[in-house]
Amino acid sequence: MITSSEPVSEALLPIYNQLLTLRKCLVEVKRSGGVSSPRELYPYSMKLNSVDNMRQDGKFIVNGDIPEGQGSVTALLSECFEMAYELRNDAEANESDSSDEDGGNGEANESDQGGQVSSSSHSPTTESNGVK
């Protein structure tokens, strides 16, 4: 868990709290064994992209101001993207393993392409954002 120690302004608290809840959900999904299909991550992907799209030039702007806590919110957003990315990769690997056992026809993989977690320009790597 990586979060900045900077205080989050009242203006950013709704976004920050949404991300805290999302992270809690993703941790629970991971703890319970992950997902069986990337499609199951669709609601999380939609929420992450929705929050990410609130940024303008990389900053969360509220009523024309750039509130304090940008680093904390951005770090939490990156952490959520990273967890969703890992869960998607695990699900894809499990699907690939199961299709290999079923004769390797690859049909399951092709039909599930629409359910992948999209991270827009945020293909998370542990090196670039320090999240593990």
N, C-alpha and C. Protein backbone atom coordinates (compact mmCIF):
# COMPACT_ATOMS: atom_id res chain seq x y z
N MET A 1 0.85 -1.16 0.00
CA MET A 1 0.00 0.00 0.00
C MET A 1 0.90 1.23 0.00
N ILE A 2 0.76 2.01 -1.05
CA ILE A 2 1.58 3.21 -1.15
C ILE A 2 0.65 4.42 -1.23
N THR A 3 0.72 5.24 -0.23
CA THR A 3 -0.06 6.48 -0.26
C THR A 3 0.84 7.58 0.26
N SER A 4 0.67 8.72 -0.32
CA SER A 4 1.46 9.87 0.09
C SER A 4 0.98 10.35 1.45
N SER A 5 1.87 10.97 2.20
CA SER A 5 1.49 11.46 3.52
C SER A 5 0.92 12.87 3.46
N GLU A 6 0.85 13.46 2.27
CA GLU A 6 0.30 14.80 2.17
C GLU A 6 -1.19 14.77 2.47
N PRO A 7 -1.71 15.81 3.11
CA PRO A 7 -3.13 15.84 3.43
C PRO A 7 -3.97 15.99 2.16
N VAL A 8 -5.14 15.38 2.17
CA VAL A 8 -6.05 15.48 1.04
C VAL A 8 -7.10 16.53 1.39
N SER A 9 -7.22 17.52 0.54
CA SER A 9 -8.17 18.61 0.80
C SER A 9 -9.60 18.09 0.77
N GLU A 10 -10.47 18.83 1.40
CA GLU A 10 -11.88 18.46 1.45
C GLU A 10 -12.47 18.32 0.04
N ALA A 11 -12.00 19.13 -0.88
CA ALA A 11 -12.51 19.09 -2.25
C ALA A 11 -12.18 17.77 -2.95
N LEU A 12 -11.05 17.15 -2.59
CA LEU A 12 -10.65 15.90 -3.22
C LEU A 12 -11.11 14.66 -2.44
N LEU A 13 -11.66 14.85 -1.25
CA LEU A 13 -12.05 13.70 -0.43
C LEU A 13 -13.05 12.77 -1.12
N PRO A 14 -14.05 13.27 -1.83
CA PRO A 14 -14.96 12.32 -2.49
C PRO A 14 -14.23 11.38 -3.47
N ILE A 15 -13.32 11.92 -4.25
CA ILE A 15 -12.55 11.10 -5.19
C ILE A 15 -11.64 10.14 -4.43
N TYR A 16 -10.96 10.66 -3.42
CA TYR A 16 -10.06 9.85 -2.61
C TYR A 16 -10.81 8.69 -1.95
N ASN A 17 -11.98 8.98 -1.40
CA ASN A 17 -12.77 7.94 -0.73
C ASN A 17 -13.28 6.90 -1.72
N GLN A 18 -13.64 7.32 -2.92
CA GLN A 18 -14.04 6.36 -3.95
C GLN A 18 -12.89 5.41 -4.27
N LEU A 19 -11.70 5.98 -4.37
CA LEU A 19 -10.53 5.15 -4.68
C LEU A 19 -10.17 4.22 -3.53
N LEU A 20 -10.33 4.69 -2.30
CA LEU A 20 -10.09 3.82 -1.14
C LEU A 20 -11.04 2.62 -1.17
N THR A 21 -12.30 2.89 -1.46
CA THR A 21 -13.29 1.82 -1.54
C THR A 21 -12.96 0.86 -2.68
N LEU A 22 -12.58 1.41 -3.81
CA LEU A 22 -12.21 0.58 -4.96
C LEU A 22 -11.00 -0.29 -4.63
N ARG A 23 -10.01 0.31 -3.97
CA ARG A 23 -8.82 -0.47 -3.61
C ARG A 23 -9.20 -1.60 -2.65
N LYS A 24 -10.07 -1.30 -1.69
CA LYS A 24 -10.54 -2.32 -0.75
C LYS A 24 -11.19 -3.48 -1.50
N CYS A 25 -12.02 -3.16 -2.48
CA CYS A 25 -12.69 -4.18 -3.28
C CYS A 25 -11.68 -5.01 -4.07
N LEU A 26 -10.72 -4.35 -4.70
CA LEU A 26 -9.72 -5.07 -5.48
C LEU A 26 -8.85 -5.97 -4.60
N VAL A 27 -8.52 -5.50 -3.42
CA VAL A 27 -7.75 -6.32 -2.48
C VAL A 27 -8.55 -7.55 -2.09
N GLU A 28 -9.83 -7.37 -1.85
CA GLU A 28 -10.69 -8.50 -1.48
C GLU A 28 -10.83 -9.49 -2.63
N VAL A 29 -10.97 -8.99 -3.85
CA VAL A 29 -11.04 -9.88 -5.02
C VAL A 29 -9.75 -10.69 -5.12
N LYS A 30 -8.63 -10.02 -4.95
CA LYS A 30 -7.32 -10.71 -5.02
C LYS A 30 -7.20 -11.74 -3.90
N ARG A 31 -7.60 -11.35 -2.70
CA ARG A 31 -7.50 -12.22 -1.53
C ARG A 31 -8.38 -13.46 -1.70
N SER A 32 -9.52 -13.31 -2.38
CA SER A 32 -10.45 -14.43 -2.54
C SER A 32 -10.11 -15.30 -3.75
N GLY A 33 -8.98 -15.06 -4.38
CA GLY A 33 -8.54 -15.92 -5.46
C GLY A 33 -8.60 -15.31 -6.85
N GLY A 34 -8.94 -14.05 -6.93
CA GLY A 34 -8.96 -13.37 -8.22
C GLY A 34 -10.26 -13.59 -8.96
N VAL A 35 -10.23 -13.38 -10.25
CA VAL A 35 -11.41 -13.53 -11.10
C VAL A 35 -11.15 -14.65 -12.10
N SER A 36 -12.22 -15.25 -12.57
CA SER A 36 -12.06 -16.34 -13.53
C SER A 36 -11.99 -15.83 -14.97
N SER A 37 -12.42 -14.59 -15.17
CA SER A 37 -12.41 -14.02 -16.51
C SER A 37 -12.12 -12.52 -16.42
N PRO A 38 -11.39 -11.98 -17.37
CA PRO A 38 -11.15 -10.54 -17.37
C PRO A 38 -12.45 -9.73 -17.39
N ARG A 39 -13.53 -10.30 -17.92
CA ARG A 39 -14.82 -9.61 -17.96
C ARG A 39 -15.30 -9.21 -16.57
N GLU A 40 -14.96 -9.99 -15.59
CA GLU A 40 -15.40 -9.71 -14.22
C GLU A 40 -14.79 -8.42 -13.68
N LEU A 41 -13.75 -7.94 -14.31
CA LEU A 41 -13.09 -6.70 -13.89
C LEU A 41 -13.69 -5.47 -14.54
N TYR A 42 -14.66 -5.66 -15.42
CA TYR A 42 -15.23 -4.54 -16.16
C TYR A 42 -15.74 -3.41 -15.26
N PRO A 43 -16.51 -3.69 -14.20
CA PRO A 43 -16.99 -2.58 -13.35
C PRO A 43 -15.84 -1.79 -12.71
N TYR A 44 -14.79 -2.50 -12.32
CA TYR A 44 -13.64 -1.82 -11.71
C TYR A 44 -12.92 -0.97 -12.75
N SER A 45 -12.80 -1.51 -13.96
CA SER A 45 -12.17 -0.77 -15.04
C SER A 45 -12.93 0.50 -15.36
N MET A 46 -14.26 0.38 -15.42
CA MET A 46 -15.09 1.55 -15.71
C MET A 46 -14.91 2.62 -14.65
N LYS A 47 -14.89 2.24 -13.39
CA LYS A 47 -14.73 3.21 -12.31
C LYS A 47 -13.35 3.85 -12.36
N LEU A 48 -12.32 3.05 -12.56
CA LEU A 48 -10.96 3.60 -12.65
C LEU A 48 -10.84 4.60 -13.79
N ASN A 49 -11.38 4.24 -14.94
CA ASN A 49 -11.30 5.14 -16.08
C ASN A 49 -12.13 6.40 -15.86
N SER A 50 -13.25 6.25 -15.17
CA SER A 50 -14.09 7.40 -14.85
C SER A 50 -13.33 8.40 -13.96
N VAL A 51 -12.65 7.89 -12.95
CA VAL A 51 -11.87 8.75 -12.06
C VAL A 51 -10.69 9.35 -12.83
N ASP A 52 -10.02 8.54 -13.63
CA ASP A 52 -8.88 9.02 -14.41
C ASP A 52 -9.29 10.13 -15.37
N ASN A 53 -10.48 10.02 -15.93
CA ASN A 53 -10.96 11.03 -16.87
C ASN A 53 -11.34 12.35 -16.19
N MET A 54 -11.40 12.37 -14.87
CA MET A 54 -11.67 13.62 -14.15
C MET A 54 -10.45 14.54 -14.15
N ARG A 55 -9.29 13.97 -14.47
CA ARG A 55 -8.07 14.78 -14.45
C ARG A 55 -7.95 15.61 -15.71
N GLN A 56 -7.37 16.79 -15.54
CA GLN A 56 -7.06 17.67 -16.66
C GLN A 56 -5.57 17.97 -16.57
N ASP A 57 -4.86 17.64 -17.62
CA ASP A 57 -3.40 17.80 -17.63
C ASP A 57 -2.76 17.12 -16.42
N GLY A 58 -3.29 15.96 -16.06
CA GLY A 58 -2.72 15.18 -14.97
C GLY A 58 -3.12 15.62 -13.57
N LYS A 59 -3.97 16.62 -13.47
CA LYS A 59 -4.37 17.15 -12.15
C LYS A 59 -5.88 17.06 -11.99
N PHE A 60 -6.30 16.84 -10.74
CA PHE A 60 -7.71 16.91 -10.41
C PHE A 60 -8.04 18.36 -10.12
N ILE A 61 -8.94 18.92 -10.89
CA ILE A 61 -9.31 20.32 -10.73
C ILE A 61 -10.75 20.36 -10.23
N VAL A 62 -10.96 21.09 -9.12
CA VAL A 62 -12.28 21.21 -8.53
C VAL A 62 -12.63 22.69 -8.46
N ASN A 63 -13.71 23.06 -9.11
CA ASN A 63 -14.16 24.47 -9.16
C ASN A 63 -13.05 25.42 -9.60
N GLY A 64 -12.29 25.01 -10.58
CA GLY A 64 -11.23 25.85 -11.12
C GLY A 64 -9.94 25.87 -10.32
N ASP A 65 -9.91 25.21 -9.17
CA ASP A 65 -8.73 25.17 -8.31
C ASP A 65 -8.06 23.80 -8.39
N ILE A 66 -6.77 23.79 -8.05
CA ILE A 66 -6.03 22.53 -7.93
C ILE A 66 -5.85 22.27 -6.43
N PRO A 67 -6.73 21.46 -5.85
CA PRO A 67 -6.69 21.24 -4.41
C PRO A 67 -5.48 20.44 -3.96
N GLU A 68 -5.16 20.58 -2.67
CA GLU A 68 -4.07 19.81 -2.06
C GLU A 68 -4.43 18.33 -2.04
N GLY A 69 -3.41 17.50 -2.12
CA GLY A 69 -3.62 16.07 -2.04
C GLY A 69 -3.51 15.37 -3.38
N GLN A 70 -3.04 16.09 -4.39
CA GLN A 70 -2.91 15.51 -5.72
C GLN A 70 -2.05 14.24 -5.70
N GLY A 71 -0.95 14.30 -4.97
CA GLY A 71 -0.04 13.16 -4.90
C GLY A 71 -0.69 11.94 -4.28
N SER A 72 -1.42 12.14 -3.20
CA SER A 72 -2.10 11.03 -2.52
C SER A 72 -3.14 10.39 -3.43
N VAL A 73 -3.94 11.22 -4.08
CA VAL A 73 -5.00 10.70 -4.94
C VAL A 73 -4.40 10.00 -6.16
N THR A 74 -3.39 10.60 -6.74
CA THR A 74 -2.75 10.01 -7.92
C THR A 74 -2.06 8.69 -7.57
N ALA A 75 -1.41 8.63 -6.41
CA ALA A 75 -0.76 7.38 -5.98
C ALA A 75 -1.79 6.28 -5.76
N LEU A 76 -2.91 6.64 -5.17
CA LEU A 76 -3.97 5.66 -4.93
C LEU A 76 -4.58 5.19 -6.26
N LEU A 77 -4.77 6.10 -7.20
CA LEU A 77 -5.28 5.75 -8.52
C LEU A 77 -4.31 4.79 -9.22
N SER A 78 -3.03 5.08 -9.16
CA SER A 78 -2.02 4.21 -9.77
C SER A 78 -2.02 2.83 -9.12
N GLU A 79 -2.16 2.80 -7.81
CA GLU A 79 -2.19 1.53 -7.09
C GLU A 79 -3.39 0.68 -7.53
N CYS A 80 -4.54 1.32 -7.70
CA CYS A 80 -5.73 0.60 -8.16
C CYS A 80 -5.55 0.09 -9.58
N PHE A 81 -4.98 0.92 -10.46
CA PHE A 81 -4.71 0.48 -11.83
C PHE A 81 -3.78 -0.73 -11.82
N GLU A 82 -2.77 -0.69 -10.98
CA GLU A 82 -1.80 -1.79 -10.89
C GLU A 82 -2.48 -3.08 -10.44
N MET A 83 -3.32 -3.00 -9.41
CA MET A 83 -4.01 -4.20 -8.92
C MET A 83 -4.94 -4.76 -9.99
N ALA A 84 -5.68 -3.91 -10.68
CA ALA A 84 -6.59 -4.37 -11.73
C ALA A 84 -5.80 -5.01 -12.87
N TYR A 85 -4.67 -4.43 -13.19
CA TYR A 85 -3.80 -4.96 -14.24
C TYR A 85 -3.30 -6.36 -13.86
N GLU A 86 -2.86 -6.52 -12.63
CA GLU A 86 -2.38 -7.83 -12.17
C GLU A 86 -3.51 -8.86 -12.17
N LEU A 87 -4.68 -8.46 -11.71
CA LEU A 87 -5.82 -9.38 -11.70
C LEU A 87 -6.19 -9.80 -13.12
N ARG A 88 -6.16 -8.85 -14.05
CA ARG A 88 -6.47 -9.17 -15.45
C ARG A 88 -5.45 -10.15 -16.01
N ASN A 89 -4.18 -9.89 -15.75
CA ASN A 89 -3.14 -10.79 -16.26
C ASN A 89 -3.29 -12.19 -15.67
N ASP A 90 -3.59 -12.28 -14.39
CA ASP A 90 -3.80 -13.58 -13.75
C ASP A 90 -4.98 -14.31 -14.39
N ALA A 91 -6.08 -13.58 -14.62
CA ALA A 91 -7.27 -14.19 -15.23
C ALA A 91 -6.96 -14.67 -16.65
N GLU A 92 -6.23 -13.85 -17.41
CA GLU A 92 -5.88 -14.25 -18.77
C GLU A 92 -4.98 -15.48 -18.77
N ALA A 93 -4.05 -15.53 -17.82
CA ALA A 93 -3.16 -16.69 -17.72
C ALA A 93 -3.97 -17.94 -17.37
N ASN A 94 -4.92 -17.79 -16.45
CA ASN A 94 -5.76 -18.93 -16.06
C ASN A 94 -6.62 -19.39 -17.23
N GLU A 95 -7.16 -18.44 -18.00
CA GLU A 95 -7.95 -18.80 -19.18
C GLU A 95 -7.09 -19.53 -20.20
N SER A 96 -5.87 -19.05 -20.39
CA SER A 96 -4.96 -19.67 -21.33
C SER A 96 -4.63 -21.09 -20.89
N ASP A 97 -4.37 -21.27 -19.59
CA ASP A 97 -4.07 -22.59 -19.05
C ASP A 97 -5.25 -23.53 -19.24
N SER A 98 -6.45 -23.04 -18.98
CA SER A 98 -7.63 -23.91 -19.10
C SER A 98 -7.93 -24.21 -20.57
N SER A 99 -7.68 -23.28 -21.49
CA SER A 99 -7.92 -23.57 -22.90
C SER A 99 -6.87 -24.55 -23.42
N ASP A 100 -5.66 -24.51 -22.87
CA ASP A 100 -4.64 -25.49 -23.25
C ASP A 100 -5.08 -26.88 -22.82
N GLU A 101 -5.68 -26.98 -21.64
CA GLU A 101 -6.14 -28.27 -21.14
C GLU A 101 -7.33 -28.77 -21.95
N ASP A 102 -8.13 -27.86 -22.51
CA ASP A 102 -9.32 -28.23 -23.28
C ASP A 102 -9.00 -28.44 -24.76
N GLY A 103 -7.79 -28.50 -25.12
CA GLY A 103 -7.44 -28.72 -26.51
C GLY A 103 -6.82 -27.51 -27.17
N GLY A 104 -6.76 -26.40 -26.47
CA GLY A 104 -6.06 -25.23 -26.97
C GLY A 104 -6.68 -24.57 -28.17
N ASN A 105 -8.02 -24.56 -28.27
CA ASN A 105 -8.63 -23.95 -29.44
C ASN A 105 -8.65 -22.43 -29.39
N GLY A 106 -8.44 -21.83 -28.24
CA GLY A 106 -8.31 -20.39 -28.12
C GLY A 106 -9.62 -19.62 -28.23
N GLU A 107 -10.75 -20.32 -28.40
CA GLU A 107 -12.02 -19.61 -28.57
C GLU A 107 -12.38 -18.77 -27.36
N ALA A 108 -12.13 -19.26 -26.16
CA ALA A 108 -12.48 -18.51 -24.96
C ALA A 108 -11.73 -17.19 -24.91
N ASN A 109 -10.47 -17.21 -25.31
CA ASN A 109 -9.69 -15.98 -25.26
C ASN A 109 -10.23 -14.95 -26.24
N GLU A 110 -10.60 -15.37 -27.44
CA GLU A 110 -11.09 -14.43 -28.44
C GLU A 110 -12.41 -13.81 -28.01
N SER A 111 -13.29 -14.58 -27.39
CA SER A 111 -14.60 -14.04 -27.02
C SER A 111 -14.54 -13.12 -25.82
N ASP A 112 -13.48 -13.16 -25.05
CA ASP A 112 -13.39 -12.33 -23.85
C ASP A 112 -12.58 -11.06 -24.06
N GLN A 113 -12.18 -10.75 -25.27
CA GLN A 113 -11.34 -9.59 -25.49
C GLN A 113 -12.00 -8.29 -25.05
N GLY A 114 -13.31 -8.18 -25.14
CA GLY A 114 -14.00 -6.95 -24.79
C GLY A 114 -14.01 -6.66 -23.31
N GLY A 115 -13.69 -7.62 -22.46
CA GLY A 115 -13.79 -7.41 -21.03
C GLY A 115 -12.49 -7.08 -20.35
N GLN A 116 -11.48 -6.76 -21.10
CA GLN A 116 -10.20 -6.46 -20.49
C GLN A 116 -10.22 -5.12 -19.79
N VAL A 117 -9.43 -5.03 -18.73
CA VAL A 117 -9.30 -3.77 -18.02
C VAL A 117 -8.51 -2.81 -18.88
N SER A 118 -9.09 -1.68 -19.13
CA SER A 118 -8.40 -0.67 -19.91
C SER A 118 -7.77 0.32 -18.95
N SER A 119 -6.53 0.60 -19.16
CA SER A 119 -5.89 1.55 -18.26
C SER A 119 -5.43 2.77 -19.03
N SER A 120 -6.13 3.11 -20.06
CA SER A 120 -5.81 4.22 -20.94
C SER A 120 -4.31 4.31 -21.13
N SER A 121 -3.70 5.40 -20.79
CA SER A 121 -2.26 5.53 -20.99
C SER A 121 -1.49 5.09 -19.76
N HIS A 122 -2.16 4.38 -18.87
CA HIS A 122 -1.53 4.00 -17.61
C HIS A 122 -1.18 2.54 -17.57
N SER A 123 -0.41 2.03 -18.53
CA SER A 123 -0.02 0.65 -18.37
C SER A 123 0.97 0.62 -17.23
N PRO A 124 0.47 0.15 -16.08
CA PRO A 124 1.27 0.25 -14.87
C PRO A 124 2.45 -0.70 -14.87
N THR A 125 3.55 -0.19 -14.42
CA THR A 125 4.71 -1.03 -14.18
C THR A 125 5.22 -0.68 -12.81
N THR A 126 5.76 -1.67 -12.15
CA THR A 126 6.27 -1.41 -10.80
C THR A 126 7.45 -0.46 -10.85
N GLU A 127 8.18 -0.44 -11.97
CA GLU A 127 9.32 0.46 -12.03
C GLU A 127 8.89 1.91 -12.17
N SER A 128 7.85 2.16 -12.98
CA SER A 128 7.51 3.55 -13.27
C SER A 128 6.74 4.23 -12.15
N ASN A 129 5.96 3.50 -11.37
CA ASN A 129 5.19 4.19 -10.34
C ASN A 129 5.51 3.74 -8.94
N GLY A 130 6.44 2.81 -8.79
CA GLY A 130 6.88 2.40 -7.46
C GLY A 130 5.86 1.59 -6.69
N VAL A 131 4.83 1.09 -7.34
CA VAL A 131 3.81 0.33 -6.65
C VAL A 131 4.13 -1.14 -6.79
N LYS A 132 3.99 -1.87 -5.74
CA LYS A 132 4.23 -3.32 -5.77
C LYS A 132 3.08 -4.03 -5.14
